[in-house]
Each structure stands twice: as structure tokens, then as C-alpha cells.
Amino acid sequence: MMDRSNAMKAIMALLNEDGLIIPGCRAYEIVTEYIAFKIDRMGPERALEDVKHTKEHMVAQIHQMAM
């Protein structure tokens, strides 16, 4: 069973393959707050699965925030 911390690491790694989510930047703050909310609401394993299914859309939104 995955815990909250490991889920956050796995999800952030999935979403940050291109390196746009830099600690300290606004996109990083927004994404980590959203992922923390998702994990709290869905649980670590379901949140990770959900992000895997919506990754392309989420990465496109991150690109818009980071530009």
C-alpha cells in the first residue's frame, strides 16, 4: 500500500518529466497543492491512477502556467 508521501513523489515525477515544475515557482505551488488535495480526497493509490489517466491534460495546463 502506498503512503501519501510516496504518492506525491510518484505523481510529481510523472507530471514533471520536462522539468517545468521548479520548487519555489508558482506552478510548483499550484500543482503540489492540487495533488495534495487529490491525495487527501481520493487516497494515495487512486490519486496516482487518476493522474496517470489525465496526465496529458495536466501537463498541458502546467505548460500554460509555466510560460
Protein backbone atom coordinates (compact mmCIF):
# COMPACT_ATOMS: atom_id res chain seq x y z
CA MET A 1 0.00 0.00 0.00
CA MET A 2 1.30 3.43 -0.98
CA ASP A 3 1.51 6.26 1.54
CA ARG A 4 0.82 9.96 0.95
CA SER A 5 4.49 10.93 0.62
CA ASN A 6 5.32 8.23 -1.93
CA ALA A 7 2.20 9.08 -3.94
CA MET A 8 3.21 12.75 -4.04
CA LYS A 9 6.72 11.85 -5.25
CA ALA A 10 5.41 9.48 -7.92
CA ILE A 11 2.80 11.94 -9.19
CA MET A 12 5.23 14.87 -9.29
CA ALA A 13 7.74 12.71 -11.20
CA LEU A 14 5.04 11.84 -13.75
CA LEU A 15 4.00 15.45 -14.21
CA ASN A 16 7.48 16.93 -14.26
CA GLU A 17 9.15 14.84 -16.96
CA ASP A 18 10.05 18.02 -18.83
CA GLY A 19 11.34 19.87 -15.76
CA LEU A 20 8.89 22.79 -15.80
CA ILE A 21 7.78 22.37 -12.18
CA ILE A 22 10.62 24.03 -10.28
CA PRO A 23 10.41 24.23 -6.47
CA GLY A 24 9.65 27.79 -5.48
CA CYS A 25 7.87 28.77 -8.69
CA ARG A 26 4.14 29.47 -8.84
CA ALA A 27 3.40 26.39 -10.99
CA TYR A 28 5.09 24.18 -8.36
CA GLU A 29 2.97 25.66 -5.58
CA ILE A 30 -0.26 25.24 -7.55
CA VAL A 31 0.49 21.68 -8.64
CA THR A 32 1.62 20.47 -5.20
CA GLU A 33 -1.46 21.99 -3.52
CA TYR A 34 -3.74 20.38 -6.09
CA ILE A 35 -2.05 16.98 -5.83
CA ALA A 36 -2.13 17.10 -2.01
CA PHE A 37 -5.88 17.84 -2.20
CA LYS A 38 -6.40 14.99 -4.68
CA ILE A 39 -4.47 12.53 -2.46
CA ASP A 40 -6.43 13.60 0.63
CA ARG A 41 -9.73 13.26 -1.21
CA MET A 42 -9.10 10.05 -3.18
CA GLY A 43 -6.34 8.32 -1.26
CA PRO A 44 -2.76 7.84 -2.49
CA GLU A 45 -3.28 4.92 -4.87
CA ARG A 46 -6.45 6.21 -6.52
CA ALA A 47 -4.91 9.69 -6.89
CA LEU A 48 -1.89 8.22 -8.68
CA GLU A 49 -4.12 6.21 -11.02
CA ASP A 50 -6.26 9.28 -11.73
CA VAL A 51 -3.21 11.36 -12.61
CA LYS A 52 -1.93 8.61 -14.92
CA HIS A 53 -5.24 8.81 -16.83
CA THR A 54 -5.29 12.63 -17.02
CA LYS A 55 -1.55 13.25 -17.36
CA GLU A 56 -1.58 14.76 -20.86
CA HIS A 57 -4.23 17.31 -19.92
CA MET A 58 -2.49 18.20 -16.65
CA VAL A 59 0.91 18.59 -18.34
CA ALA A 60 -0.67 20.92 -20.94
CA GLN A 61 -2.07 23.05 -18.10
CA ILE A 62 1.34 23.11 -16.38
CA HIS A 63 2.93 24.29 -19.64
CA GLN A 64 0.44 27.18 -19.77
CA MET A 65 1.17 28.15 -16.15
CA ALA A 66 4.92 27.97 -16.60
CA MET A 67 5.07 30.11 -19.74
